[in-house]
Amino acid sequence: MNPAEEHILNQSEPYRGLLLYIQSFIESAIPEVELKYKYKIPFYYINGRPYCYLNQSKDYVDLGFWNAAHLTMHLDQLNTEGRKMMKSLRYRSLEDIDITILREVLEDAYSVKDRKFWK
């Protein structure tokens, strides 16, 4: 088991369940992702470049996107909360996850994966 998977399994419920569900969804939607443990959180990479990350904080799980400045889909659903460059989908329960939005944002992030971090 790699450190990123261990980090996910060490989270308390309901966050562990959320993280496992999102992990499974990402890995089935974008098969070429590689899960690493960077910056003390699970981080997905594609071809050696950062793609997105999972972070449990306070009472929610963030699915953050590295190239968020380039995203165009569901901007009203993306949280910036005090961050200038990163945007994330924020979930407090499995019921909060709209799989259509999740899939479309993952695909949008995939389409801009080769762009620079900032516009």
PDB file of N, CA and C in Angstrom:
ATOM      1  N   MET A   1       0.860  -1.181   0.000  1.00  0.00           N
ATOM      2  CA  MET A   1       0.000   0.000   0.000  1.00  0.00           C
ATOM      3  C   MET A   1       0.904   1.241   0.000  1.00  0.00           C
ATOM      4  N   ASN A   2       0.584   2.179  -0.879  1.00  0.00           N
ATOM      5  CA  ASN A   2       1.411   3.382  -0.922  1.00  0.00           C
ATOM      6  C   ASN A   2       0.959   4.384   0.150  1.00  0.00           C
ATOM      7  N   PRO A   3       1.788   5.371   0.468  1.00  0.00           N
ATOM      8  CA  PRO A   3       1.459   6.325   1.540  1.00  0.00           C
ATOM      9  C   PRO A   3       0.164   7.102   1.307  1.00  0.00           C
ATOM     10  N   ALA A   4      -0.180   7.383   0.056  1.00  0.00           N
ATOM     11  CA  ALA A   4      -1.425   8.114  -0.229  1.00  0.00           C
ATOM     12  C   ALA A   4      -2.636   7.268   0.144  1.00  0.00           C
ATOM     13  N   GLU A   5      -2.606   5.987  -0.218  1.00  0.00           N
ATOM     14  CA  GLU A   5      -3.705   5.088   0.144  1.00  0.00           C
ATOM     15  C   GLU A   5      -3.792   4.917   1.655  1.00  0.00           C
ATOM     16  N   GLU A   6      -2.640   4.806   2.301  1.00  0.00           N
ATOM     17  CA  GLU A   6      -2.606   4.688   3.761  1.00  0.00           C
ATOM     18  C   GLU A   6      -3.205   5.932   4.417  1.00  0.00           C
ATOM     19  N   HIS A   7      -2.882   7.099   3.875  1.00  0.00           N
ATOM     20  CA  HIS A   7      -3.431   8.360   4.389  1.00  0.00           C
ATOM     21  C   HIS A   7      -4.961   8.343   4.312  1.00  0.00           C
ATOM     22  N   ILE A   8      -5.494   7.906   3.189  1.00  0.00           N
ATOM     23  CA  ILE A   8      -6.952   7.844   3.011  1.00  0.00           C
ATOM     24  C   ILE A   8      -7.571   6.885   4.020  1.00  0.00           C
ATOM     25  N   LEU A   9      -6.988   5.706   4.163  1.00  0.00           N
ATOM     26  CA  LEU A   9      -7.539   4.698   5.076  1.00  0.00           C
ATOM     27  C   LEU A   9      -7.436   5.112   6.543  1.00  0.00           C
ATOM     28  N   ASN A  10      -6.513   6.005   6.862  1.00  0.00           N
ATOM     29  CA  ASN A  10      -6.350   6.465   8.244  1.00  0.00           C
ATOM     30  C   ASN A  10      -7.329   7.571   8.636  1.00  0.00           C
ATOM     31  N   GLN A  11      -8.116   8.071   7.695  1.00  0.00           N
ATOM     32  CA  GLN A  11      -9.091   9.115   8.010  1.00  0.00           C
ATOM     33  C   GLN A  11     -10.291   8.501   8.721  1.00  0.00           C
ATOM     34  N   SER A  12     -10.944   9.299   9.542  1.00  0.00           N
ATOM     35  CA  SER A  12     -12.139   8.813  10.241  1.00  0.00           C
ATOM     36  C   SER A  12     -13.347   8.890   9.302  1.00  0.00           C
ATOM     37  N   GLU A  13     -14.374   8.127   9.645  1.00  0.00           N
ATOM     38  CA  GLU A  13     -15.629   8.201   8.891  1.00  0.00           C
ATOM     39  C   GLU A  13     -16.341   9.491   9.275  1.00  0.00           C
ATOM     40  N   PRO A  14     -17.074  10.125   8.422  1.00  0.00           N
ATOM     41  CA  PRO A  14     -17.460   9.709   7.067  1.00  0.00           C
ATOM     42  C   PRO A  14     -16.445  10.080   5.993  1.00  0.00           C
ATOM     43  N   TYR A  15     -15.342  10.716   6.395  1.00  0.00           N
ATOM     44  CA  TYR A  15     -14.380  11.231   5.417  1.00  0.00           C
ATOM     45  C   TYR A  15     -13.667  10.114   4.667  1.00  0.00           C
ATOM     46  N   ARG A  16     -13.359   9.010   5.358  1.00  0.00           N
ATOM     47  CA  ARG A  16     -12.708   7.885   4.690  1.00  0.00           C
ATOM     48  C   ARG A  16     -13.598   7.379   3.545  1.00  0.00           C
ATOM     49  N   GLY A  17     -14.882   7.227   3.809  1.00  0.00           N
ATOM     50  CA  GLY A  17     -15.809   6.767   2.772  1.00  0.00           C
ATOM     51  C   GLY A  17     -15.884   7.723   1.595  1.00  0.00           C
ATOM     52  N   LEU A  18     -15.926   9.016   1.891  1.00  0.00           N
ATOM     53  CA  LEU A  18     -15.933  10.030   0.826  1.00  0.00           C
ATOM     54  C   LEU A  18     -14.659   9.945  -0.010  1.00  0.00           C
ATOM     55  N   LEU A  19     -13.521   9.891   0.666  1.00  0.00           N
ATOM     56  CA  LEU A  19     -12.239   9.835  -0.033  1.00  0.00           C
ATOM     57  C   LEU A  19     -12.127   8.579  -0.891  1.00  0.00           C
ATOM     58  N   LEU A  20     -12.545   7.434  -0.352  1.00  0.00           N
ATOM     59  CA  LEU A  20     -12.486   6.184  -1.113  1.00  0.00           C
ATOM     60  C   LEU A  20     -13.400   6.232  -2.337  1.00  0.00           C
ATOM     61  N   TYR A  21     -14.589   6.808  -2.171  1.00  0.00           N
ATOM     62  CA  TYR A  21     -15.518   6.918  -3.298  1.00  0.00           C
ATOM     63  C   TYR A  21     -14.926   7.815  -4.386  1.00  0.00           C
ATOM     64  N   ILE A  22     -14.419   8.978  -3.991  1.00  0.00           N
ATOM     65  CA  ILE A  22     -13.849   9.918  -4.966  1.00  0.00           C
ATOM     66  C   ILE A  22     -12.617   9.304  -5.627  1.00  0.00           C
ATOM     67  N   GLN A  23     -11.776   8.625  -4.843  1.00  0.00           N
ATOM     68  CA  GLN A  23     -10.596   7.952  -5.389  1.00  0.00           C
ATOM     69  C   GLN A  23     -11.004   6.950  -6.469  1.00  0.00           C
ATOM     70  N   SER A  24     -11.968   6.130  -6.165  1.00  0.00           N
ATOM     71  CA  SER A  24     -12.446   5.124  -7.115  1.00  0.00           C
ATOM     72  C   SER A  24     -13.018   5.781  -8.371  1.00  0.00           C
ATOM     73  N   PHE A  25     -13.779   6.853  -8.188  1.00  0.00           N
ATOM     74  CA  PHE A  25     -14.390   7.556  -9.318  1.00  0.00           C
ATOM     75  C   PHE A  25     -13.311   8.148 -10.222  1.00  0.00           C
ATOM     76  N   ILE A  26     -12.327   8.824  -9.627  1.00  0.00           N
ATOM     77  CA  ILE A  26     -11.247   9.437 -10.411  1.00  0.00           C
ATOM     78  C   ILE A  26     -10.500   8.374 -11.202  1.00  0.00           C
ATOM     79  N   GLU A  27     -10.145   7.281 -10.533  1.00  0.00           N
ATOM     80  CA  GLU A  27      -9.337   6.253 -11.180  1.00  0.00           C
ATOM     81  C   GLU A  27     -10.090   5.517 -12.285  1.00  0.00           C
ATOM     82  N   SER A  28     -11.422   5.470 -12.207  1.00  0.00           N
ATOM     83  CA  SER A  28     -12.180   4.857 -13.302  1.00  0.00           C
ATOM     84  C   SER A  28     -12.443   5.864 -14.420  1.00  0.00           C
ATOM     85  N   ALA A  29     -12.598   7.143 -14.090  1.00  0.00           N
ATOM     86  CA  ALA A  29     -12.874   8.169 -15.107  1.00  0.00           C
ATOM     87  C   ALA A  29     -11.622   8.560 -15.885  1.00  0.00           C
ATOM     88  N   ILE A  30     -10.486   8.608 -15.197  1.00  0.00           N
ATOM     89  CA  ILE A  30      -9.218   9.030 -15.807  1.00  0.00           C
ATOM     90  C   ILE A  30      -8.183   7.940 -15.499  1.00  0.00           C
ATOM     91  N   PRO A  31      -8.173   6.845 -16.267  1.00  0.00           N
ATOM     92  CA  PRO A  31      -7.346   5.682 -15.921  1.00  0.00           C
ATOM     93  C   PRO A  31      -5.842   5.936 -15.844  1.00  0.00           C
ATOM     94  N   GLU A  32      -5.340   6.955 -16.528  1.00  0.00           N
ATOM     95  CA  GLU A  32      -3.887   7.146 -16.531  1.00  0.00           C
ATOM     96  C   GLU A  32      -3.356   7.919 -15.323  1.00  0.00           C
ATOM     97  N   VAL A  33      -4.229   8.294 -14.388  1.00  0.00           N
ATOM     98  CA  VAL A  33      -3.750   9.020 -13.209  1.00  0.00           C
ATOM     99  C   VAL A  33      -2.869   8.125 -12.349  1.00  0.00           C
ATOM    100  N   GLU A  34      -1.929   8.759 -11.666  1.00  0.00           N
ATOM    101  CA  GLU A  34      -1.048   8.064 -10.732  1.00  0.00           C
ATOM    102  C   GLU A  34      -1.190   8.730  -9.371  1.00  0.00           C
ATOM    103  N   LEU A  35      -1.558   7.946  -8.369  1.00  0.00           N
ATOM    104  CA  LEU A  35      -1.758   8.468  -7.022  1.00  0.00           C
ATOM    105  C   LEU A  35      -0.431   8.492  -6.280  1.00  0.00           C
ATOM    106  N   LYS A  36      -0.062   9.685  -5.802  1.00  0.00           N
ATOM    107  CA  LYS A  36       1.168   9.867  -5.025  1.00  0.00           C
ATOM    108  C   LYS A  36       0.819  10.567  -3.719  1.00  0.00           C
ATOM    109  N   TYR A  37       1.775  10.596  -2.819  1.00  0.00           N
ATOM    110  CA  TYR A  37       1.609  11.296  -1.549  1.00  0.00           C
ATOM    111  C   TYR A  37       2.547  12.496  -1.571  1.00  0.00           C
ATOM    112  N   LYS A  38       1.988  13.674  -1.839  1.00  0.00           N
ATOM    113  CA  LYS A  38       2.771  14.910  -1.935  1.00  0.00           C
ATOM    114  C   LYS A  38       2.129  15.976  -1.057  1.00  0.00           C
ATOM    115  N   TYR A  39       2.938  16.823  -0.483  1.00  0.00           N
ATOM    116  CA  TYR A  39       2.445  17.920   0.359  1.00  0.00           C
ATOM    117  C   TYR A  39       1.575  17.392   1.509  1.00  0.00           C
ATOM    118  N   LYS A  40       1.861  16.156   1.938  1.00  0.00           N
ATOM    119  CA  LYS A  40       1.154  15.487   3.041  1.00  0.00           C
ATOM    120  C   LYS A  40      -0.309  15.175   2.738  1.00  0.00           C
ATOM    121  N   ILE A  41      -0.644  15.071   1.445  1.00  0.00           N
ATOM    122  CA  ILE A  41      -2.008  14.700   1.035  1.00  0.00           C
ATOM    123  C   ILE A  41      -1.936  13.818  -0.218  1.00  0.00           C
ATOM    124  N   PRO A  42      -3.004  13.052  -0.498  1.00  0.00           N
ATOM    125  CA  PRO A  42      -3.056  12.278  -1.743  1.00  0.00           C
ATOM    126  C   PRO A  42      -3.170  13.223  -2.950  1.00  0.00           C
ATOM    127  N   PHE A  43      -2.285  13.031  -3.907  1.00  0.00           N
ATOM    128  CA  PHE A  43      -2.197  13.916  -5.065  1.00  0.00           C
ATOM    129  C   PHE A  43      -2.143  13.063  -6.329  1.00  0.00           C
ATOM    130  N   TYR A  44      -2.985  13.374  -7.289  1.00  0.00           N
ATOM    131  CA  TYR A  44      -2.973  12.652  -8.560  1.00  0.00           C
ATOM    132  C   TYR A  44      -2.100  13.385  -9.569  1.00  0.00           C
ATOM    133  N   TYR A  45      -1.332  12.582 -10.309  1.00  0.00           N
ATOM    134  CA  TYR A  45      -0.461  13.095 -11.363  1.00  0.00           C
ATOM    135  C   TYR A  45      -0.806  12.397 -12.676  1.00  0.00           C
ATOM    136  N   ILE A  46      -0.610  13.115 -13.773  1.00  0.00           N
ATOM    137  CA  ILE A  46      -0.721  12.539 -15.108  1.00  0.00           C
ATOM    138  C   ILE A  46       0.563  12.890 -15.848  1.00  0.00           C
ATOM    139  N   ASN A  47       1.261  11.870 -16.315  1.00  0.00           N
ATOM    140  CA  ASN A  47       2.535  12.065 -17.029  1.00  0.00           C
ATOM    141  C   ASN A  47       3.499  12.944 -16.237  1.00  0.00           C
ATOM    142  N   GLY A  48       3.553  12.733 -14.931  1.00  0.00           N
ATOM    143  CA  GLY A  48       4.485  13.466 -14.079  1.00  0.00           C
ATOM    144  C   GLY A  48       4.059  14.876 -13.714  1.00  0.00           C
ATOM    145  N   ARG A  49       2.869  15.280 -14.145  1.00  0.00           N
ATOM    146  CA  ARG A  49       2.387  16.639 -13.848  1.00  0.00           C
ATOM    147  C   ARG A  49       1.200  16.573 -12.896  1.00  0.00           C
ATOM    148  N   PRO A  50       1.118  17.505 -11.934  1.00  0.00           N
ATOM    149  CA  PRO A  50      -0.004  17.509 -10.985  1.00  0.00           C
ATOM    150  C   PRO A  50      -1.343  17.666 -11.703  1.00  0.00           C
ATOM    151  N   TYR A  51      -2.336  16.931 -11.231  1.00  0.00           N
ATOM    152  CA  TYR A  51      -3.676  16.969 -11.821  1.00  0.00           C
ATOM    153  C   TYR A  51      -4.707  17.434 -10.785  1.00  0.00           C
ATOM    154  N   CYS A  52      -4.835  16.698  -9.685  1.00  0.00           N
ATOM    155  CA  CYS A  52      -5.775  17.083  -8.633  1.00  0.00           C
ATOM    156  C   CYS A  52      -5.344  16.453  -7.315  1.00  0.00           C
ATOM    157  N   TYR A  53      -5.967  16.888  -6.236  1.00  0.00           N
ATOM    158  CA  TYR A  53      -5.615  16.345  -4.923  1.00  0.00           C
ATOM    159  C   TYR A  53      -6.864  16.139  -4.082  1.00  0.00           C
ATOM    160  N   LEU A  54      -6.728  15.303  -3.063  1.00  0.00           N
ATOM    161  CA  LEU A  54      -7.788  15.031  -2.094  1.00  0.00           C
ATOM    162  C   LEU A  54      -7.315  15.508  -0.734  1.00  0.00           C
ATOM    163  N   ASN A  55      -8.163  16.254  -0.050  1.00  0.00           N
ATOM    164  CA  ASN A  55      -7.777  16.758   1.261  1.00  0.00           C
ATOM    165  C   ASN A  55      -8.981  16.806   2.190  1.00  0.00           C
ATOM    166  N   GLN A  56      -8.876  16.114   3.318  1.00  0.00           N
ATOM    167  CA  GLN A  56      -9.912  16.198   4.347  1.00  0.00           C
ATOM    168  C   GLN A  56      -9.523  17.327   5.289  1.00  0.00           C
ATOM    169  N   SER A  57     -10.438  18.260   5.485  1.00  0.00           N
ATOM    170  CA  SER A  57     -10.173  19.415   6.330  1.00  0.00           C
ATOM    171  C   SER A  57     -11.454  19.809   7.039  1.00  0.00           C
ATOM    172  N   LYS A  58     -11.343  20.094   8.312  1.00  0.00           N
ATOM    173  CA  LYS A  58     -12.508  20.473   9.124  1.00  0.00           C
ATOM    174  C   LYS A  58     -13.608  19.440   8.960  1.00  0.00           C
ATOM    175  N   ASP A  59     -14.729  19.824   8.374  1.00  0.00           N
ATOM    176  CA  ASP A  59     -15.865  18.910   8.247  1.00  0.00           C
ATOM    177  C   ASP A  59     -16.207  18.611   6.787  1.00  0.00           C
ATOM    178  N   TYR A  60     -15.211  18.583   5.925  1.00  0.00           N
ATOM    179  CA  TYR A  60     -15.450  18.341   4.503  1.00  0.00           C
ATOM    180  C   TYR A  60     -14.227  17.708   3.843  1.00  0.00           C
ATOM    181  N   VAL A  61     -14.438  17.254   2.617  1.00  0.00           N
ATOM    182  CA  VAL A  61     -13.364  16.755   1.767  1.00  0.00           C
ATOM    183  C   VAL A  61     -13.297  17.661   0.551  1.00  0.00           C
ATOM    184  N   ASP A  62     -12.103  18.126   0.236  1.00  0.00           N
ATOM    185  CA  ASP A  62     -11.867  18.932  -0.958  1.00  0.00           C
ATOM    186  C   ASP A  62     -11.257  18.064  -2.044  1.00  0.00           C
ATOM    187  N   LEU A  63     -11.785  18.191  -3.255  1.00  0.00           N
ATOM    188  CA  LEU A  63     -11.143  17.656  -4.445  1.00  0.00           C
ATOM    189  C   LEU A  63     -10.637  18.886  -5.185  1.00  0.00           C
ATOM    190  N   GLY A  64      -9.351  19.166  -5.017  1.00  0.00           N
ATOM    191  CA  GLY A  64      -8.760  20.385  -5.561  1.00  0.00           C
ATOM    192  C   GLY A  64      -8.115  20.153  -6.911  1.00  0.00           C
ATOM    193  N   PHE A  65      -8.146  21.183  -7.737  1.00  0.00           N
ATOM    194  CA  PHE A  65      -7.627  21.071  -9.094  1.00  0.00           C
ATOM    195  C   PHE A  65      -6.435  21.990  -9.294  1.00  0.00           C
ATOM    196  N   TRP A  66      -5.371  21.411  -9.824  1.00  0.00           N
ATOM    197  CA  TRP A  66      -4.098  22.100  -9.995  1.00  0.00           C
ATOM    198  C   TRP A  66      -4.197  23.217 -11.031  1.00  0.00           C
ATOM    199  N   ASN A  67      -4.745  22.950 -12.197  1.00  0.00           N
ATOM    200  CA  ASN A  67      -4.848  23.950 -13.271  1.00  0.00           C
ATOM    201  C   ASN A  67      -6.193  24.659 -13.233  1.00  0.00           C
ATOM    202  N   ALA A  68      -6.634  25.018 -12.058  1.00  0.00           N
ATOM    203  CA  ALA A  68      -7.970  25.581 -11.865  1.00  0.00           C
ATOM    204  C   ALA A  68      -8.185  26.893 -12.613  1.00  0.00           C
ATOM    205  N   ALA A  69      -7.132  27.639 -12.866  1.00  0.00           N
ATOM    206  CA  ALA A  69      -7.274  28.912 -13.576  1.00  0.00           C
ATOM    207  C   ALA A  69      -7.822  28.707 -14.984  1.00  0.00           C
ATOM    208  N   HIS A  70      -7.683  27.508 -15.522  1.00  0.00           N
ATOM    209  CA  HIS A  70      -8.113  27.217 -16.891  1.00  0.00           C
ATOM    210  C   HIS A  70      -9.472  26.525 -16.969  1.00  0.00           C
ATOM    211  N   LEU A  71     -10.039  26.165 -15.839  1.00  0.00           N
ATOM    212  CA  LEU A  71     -11.305  25.431 -15.850  1.00  0.00           C
ATOM    213  C   LEU A  71     -12.452  26.321 -16.328  1.00  0.00           C
ATOM    214  N   THR A  72     -13.400  25.707 -17.048  1.00  0.00           N
ATOM    215  CA  THR A  72     -14.538  26.460 -17.582  1.00  0.00           C
ATOM    216  C   THR A  72     -15.884  25.859 -17.187  1.00  0.00           C
ATOM    217  N   MET A  73     -15.898  24.629 -16.696  1.00  0.00           N
ATOM    218  CA  MET A  73     -17.148  23.931 -16.383  1.00  0.00           C
ATOM    219  C   MET A  73     -17.512  24.084 -14.907  1.00  0.00           C
ATOM    220  N   HIS A  74     -18.768  24.347 -14.643  1.00  0.00           N
ATOM    221  CA  HIS A  74     -19.329  24.371 -13.284  1.00  0.00           C
ATOM    222  C   HIS A  74     -18.543  25.270 -12.322  1.00  0.00           C
ATOM    223  N   LEU A  75     -18.161  26.432 -12.798  1.00  0.00           N
ATOM    224  CA  LEU A  75     -17.406  27.357 -11.950  1.00  0.00           C
ATOM    225  C   LEU A  75     -18.194  27.754 -10.707  1.00  0.00           C
ATOM    226  N   ASP A  76     -19.520  27.744 -10.818  1.00  0.00           N
ATOM    227  CA  ASP A  76     -20.362  28.085  -9.672  1.00  0.00           C
ATOM    228  C   ASP A  76     -20.297  27.013  -8.580  1.00  0.00           C
ATOM    229  N   GLN A  77     -19.837  25.822  -8.913  1.00  0.00           N
ATOM    230  CA  GLN A  77     -19.712  24.726  -7.950  1.00  0.00           C
ATOM    231  C   GLN A  77     -18.313  24.640  -7.341  1.00  0.00           C
ATOM    232  N   LEU A  78     -17.369  25.354  -7.932  1.00  0.00           N
ATOM    233  CA  LEU A  78     -15.985  25.293  -7.463  1.00  0.00           C
ATOM    234  C   LEU A  78     -15.743  26.319  -6.370  1.00  0.00           C
ATOM    235  N   ASN A  79     -15.117  25.862  -5.309  1.00  0.00           N
ATOM    236  CA  ASN A  79     -14.858  26.691  -4.141  1.00  0.00           C
ATOM    237  C   ASN A  79     -13.445  27.263  -4.215  1.00  0.00           C
ATOM    238  N   THR A  80     -13.318  28.565  -3.940  1.00  0.00           N
ATOM    239  CA  THR A  80     -11.995  29.191  -3.904  1.00  0.00           C
ATOM    240  C   THR A  80     -11.591  29.596  -2.493  1.00  0.00           C
ATOM    241  N   GLU A  81     -12.518  29.889  -1.651  1.00  0.00           N
ATOM    242  CA  GLU A  81     -12.356  30.240  -0.238  1.00  0.00           C
ATOM    243  C   GLU A  81     -10.934  30.642   0.172  1.00  0.00           C
ATOM    244  N   GLY A  82     -10.580  31.875  -0.115  1.00  0.00           N
ATOM    245  CA  GLY A  82      -9.301  32.421   0.316  1.00  0.00           C
ATOM    246  C   GLY A  82      -8.107  31.979  -0.514  1.00  0.00           C
ATOM    247  N   ARG A  83      -8.347  31.284  -1.603  1.00  0.00           N
ATOM    248  CA  ARG A  83      -7.250  30.822  -2.459  1.00  0.00           C
ATOM    249  C   ARG A  83      -7.321  31.559  -3.787  1.00  0.00           C
ATOM    250  N   LYS A  84      -6.183  31.979  -4.283  1.00  0.00           N
ATOM    251  CA  LYS A  84      -6.156  32.719  -5.538  1.00  0.00           C
ATOM    252  C   LYS A  84      -6.073  31.798  -6.751  1.00  0.00           C
ATOM    253  N   MET A  85      -5.405  30.654  -6.606  1.00  0.00           N
ATOM    254  CA  MET A  85      -5.152  29.816  -7.772  1.00  0.00           C
ATOM    255  C   MET A  85      -5.881  28.484  -7.752  1.00  0.00           C
ATOM    256  N   MET A  86      -6.068  27.912  -6.613  1.00  0.00           N
ATOM    257  CA  MET A  86      -6.707  26.595  -6.521  1.00  0.00           C
ATOM    258  C   MET A  86      -8.219  26.735  -6.412  1.00  0.00           C
ATOM    259  N   LYS A  87      -8.909  25.777  -7.010  1.00  0.00           N
ATOM    260  CA  LYS A  87     -10.363  25.672  -6.872  1.00  0.00           C
ATOM    261  C   LYS A  87     -10.663  24.220  -6.545  1.00  0.00           C
ATOM    262  N   SER A  88     -11.752  24.012  -5.825  1.00  0.00           N
ATOM    263  CA  SER A  88     -12.059  22.641  -5.432  1.00  0.00           C
ATOM    264  C   SER A  88     -13.557  22.396  -5.388  1.00  0.00           C
ATOM    265  N   LEU A  89     -13.899  21.126  -5.558  1.00  0.00           N
ATOM    266  CA  LEU A  89     -15.247  20.658  -5.278  1.00  0.00           C
ATOM    267  C   LEU A  89     -15.228  20.224  -3.822  1.00  0.00           C
ATOM    268  N   ARG A  90     -16.211  20.645  -3.055  1.00  0.00           N
ATOM    269  CA  ARG A  90     -16.220  20.394  -1.611  1.00  0.00           C
ATOM    270  C   ARG A  90     -17.412  19.510  -1.258  1.00  0.00           C
ATOM    271  N   TYR A  91     -17.124  18.452  -0.513  1.00  0.00           N
ATOM    272  CA  TYR A  91     -18.159  17.484  -0.148  1.00  0.00           C
ATOM    273  C   TYR A  91     -18.169  17.224   1.354  1.00  0.00           C
ATOM    274  N   ARG A  92     -19.370  17.172   1.907  1.00  0.00           N
ATOM    275  CA  ARG A  92     -19.541  16.842   3.324  1.00  0.00           C
ATOM    276  C   ARG A  92     -20.156  15.459   3.520  1.00  0.00           C
ATOM    277  N   SER A  93     -20.771  14.924   2.468  1.00  0.00           N
ATOM    278  CA  SER A  93     -21.373  13.590   2.532  1.00  0.00           C
ATOM    279  C   SER A  93     -21.428  13.012   1.121  1.00  0.00           C
ATOM    280  N   LEU A  94     -21.650  11.708   1.035  1.00  0.00           N
ATOM    281  CA  LEU A  94     -21.783  11.068  -0.278  1.00  0.00           C
ATOM    282  C   LEU A  94     -22.954  11.644  -1.056  1.00  0.00           C
ATOM    283  N   GLU A  95     -23.997  12.046  -0.346  1.00  0.00           N
ATOM    284  CA  GLU A  95     -25.175  12.618  -1.003  1.00  0.00           C
ATOM    285  C   GLU A  95     -24.864  13.949  -1.682  1.00  0.00           C
ATOM    286  N   ASP A  96     -23.814  14.636  -1.240  1.00  0.00           N
ATOM    287  CA  ASP A  96     -23.417  15.912  -1.845  1.00  0.00           C
ATOM    288  C   ASP A  96     -22.803  15.736  -3.233  1.00  0.00           C
ATOM    289  N   ILE A  97     -22.368  14.534  -3.554  1.00  0.00           N
ATOM    290  CA  ILE A  97     -21.644  14.303  -4.803  1.00  0.00           C
ATOM    291  C   ILE A  97     -22.625  14.153  -5.963  1.00  0.00           C
ATOM    292  N   ASP A  98     -22.570  15.106  -6.883  1.00  0.00           N
ATOM    293  CA  ASP A  98     -23.322  15.024  -8.134  1.00  0.00           C
ATOM    294  C   ASP A  98     -22.350  14.431  -9.157  1.00  0.00           C
ATOM    295  N   ILE A  99     -22.568  13.171  -9.535  1.00  0.00           N
ATOM    296  CA  ILE A  99     -21.579  12.504 -10.379  1.00  0.00           C
ATOM    297  C   ILE A  99     -21.454  13.136 -11.764  1.00  0.00           C
ATOM    298  N   THR A 100     -22.501  13.778 -12.249  1.00  0.00           N
ATOM    299  CA  THR A 100     -22.409  14.461 -13.541  1.00  0.00           C
ATOM    300  C   THR A 100     -21.444  15.632 -13.439  1.00  0.00           C
ATOM    301  N   ILE A 101     -21.598  16.444 -12.399  1.00  0.00           N
ATOM    302  CA  ILE A 101     -20.690  17.578 -12.193  1.00  0.00           C
ATOM    303  C   ILE A 101     -19.274  17.077 -11.961  1.00  0.00           C
ATOM    304  N   LEU A 102     -19.119  16.068 -11.117  1.00  0.00           N
ATOM    305  CA  LEU A 102     -17.794  15.519 -10.834  1.00  0.00           C
ATOM    306  C   LEU A 102     -17.126  15.041 -12.119  1.00  0.00           C
ATOM    307  N   ARG A 103     -17.832  14.273 -12.922  1.00  0.00           N
ATOM    308  CA  ARG A 103     -17.267  13.755 -14.172  1.00  0.00           C
ATOM    309  C   ARG A 103     -16.894  14.902 -15.118  1.00  0.00           C
ATOM    310  N   GLU A 104     -17.775  15.880 -15.269  1.00  0.00           N
ATOM    311  CA  GLU A 104     -17.512  16.980 -16.203  1.00  0.00           C
ATOM    312  C   GLU A 104     -16.340  17.848 -15.748  1.00  0.00           C
ATOM    313  N   VAL A 105     -16.210  18.075 -14.450  1.00  0.00           N
ATOM    314  CA  VAL A 105     -15.075  18.868 -13.957  1.00  0.00           C
ATOM    315  C   VAL A 105     -13.775  18.071 -14.118  1.00  0.00           C
ATOM    316  N   LEU A 106     -13.802  16.771 -13.847  1.00  0.00           N
ATOM    317  CA  LEU A 106     -12.612  15.937 -14.067  1.00  0.00           C
ATOM    318  C   LEU A 106     -12.200  15.965 -15.539  1.00  0.00           C
ATOM    319  N   GLU A 107     -13.165  15.871 -16.445  1.00  0.00           N
ATOM    320  CA  GLU A 107     -12.868  15.914 -17.881  1.00  0.00           C
ATOM    321  C   GLU A 107     -12.348  17.286 -18.295  1.00  0.00           C
ATOM    322  N   ASP A 108     -12.923  18.345 -17.725  1.00  0.00           N
ATOM    323  CA  ASP A 108     -12.458  19.705 -18.003  1.00  0.00           C
ATOM    324  C   ASP A 108     -11.008  19.856 -17.542  1.00  0.00           C
ATOM    325  N   ALA A 109     -10.718  19.390 -16.335  1.00  0.00           N
ATOM    326  CA  ALA A 109      -9.350  19.464 -15.810  1.00  0.00           C
ATOM    327  C   ALA A 109      -8.398  18.635 -16.670  1.00  0.00           C
ATOM    328  N   TYR A 110      -8.873  17.502 -17.159  1.00  0.00           N
ATOM    329  CA  TYR A 110      -8.045  16.668 -18.034  1.00  0.00           C
ATOM    330  C   TYR A 110      -7.725  17.404 -19.336  1.00  0.00           C
ATOM    331  N   SER A 111      -8.690  18.130 -19.859  1.00  0.00           N
ATOM    332  CA  SER A 111      -8.491  18.831 -21.133  1.00  0.00           C
ATOM    333  C   SER A 111      -7.473  19.967 -21.024  1.00  0.00           C
ATOM    334  N   VAL A 112      -7.219  20.463 -19.817  1.00  0.00           N
ATOM    335  CA  VAL A 112      -6.253  21.562 -19.630  1.00  0.00           C
ATOM    336  C   VAL A 112      -5.004  21.094 -18.886  1.00  0.00           C
ATOM    337  N   LYS A 113      -4.823  19.791 -18.780  1.00  0.00           N
ATOM    338  CA  LYS A 113      -3.736  19.231 -17.975  1.00  0.00           C
ATOM    339  C   LYS A 113      -2.347  19.645 -18.451  1.00  0.00           C
ATOM    340  N   ASP A 114      -2.200  19.982 -19.723  1.00  0.00           N
ATOM    341  CA  ASP A 114      -0.887  20.338 -20.254  1.00  0.00           C
ATOM    342  C   ASP A 114      -0.615  21.838 -20.253  1.00  0.00           C
ATOM    343  N   ARG A 115      -1.572  22.607 -19.797  1.00  0.00           N
ATOM    344  CA  ARG A 115      -1.363  24.057 -19.739  1.00  0.00           C
ATOM    345  C   ARG A 115      -0.544  24.422 -18.509  1.00  0.00           C
ATOM    346  N   LYS A 116       0.008  25.615 -18.540  1.00  0.00           N
ATOM    347  CA  LYS A 116       0.766  26.102 -17.387  1.00  0.00           C
ATOM    348  C   LYS A 116      -0.168  26.318 -16.212  1.00  0.00           C
ATOM    349  N   PHE A 117       0.414  26.327 -15.020  1.00  0.00           N
ATOM    350  CA  PHE A 117      -0.345  26.463 -13.781  1.00  0.00           C
ATOM    351  C   PHE A 117      -1.228  27.705 -13.795  1.00  0.00           C
ATOM    352  N   TRP A 118      -0.700  28.805 -14.263  1.00  0.00           N
ATOM    353  CA  TRP A 118      -1.413  30.081 -14.277  1.00  0.00           C
ATOM    354  C   TRP A 118      -1.539  30.545 -15.711  1.00  0.00           C
ATOM    355  N   LYS A 119      -2.603  31.248 -16.032  1.00  0.00           N
ATOM    356  CA  LYS A 119      -2.843  31.724 -17.405  1.00  0.00           C
ATOM    357  C   LYS A 119      -1.738  32.622 -17.893  1.00  0.00           C
TER     358      LYS A 119
END
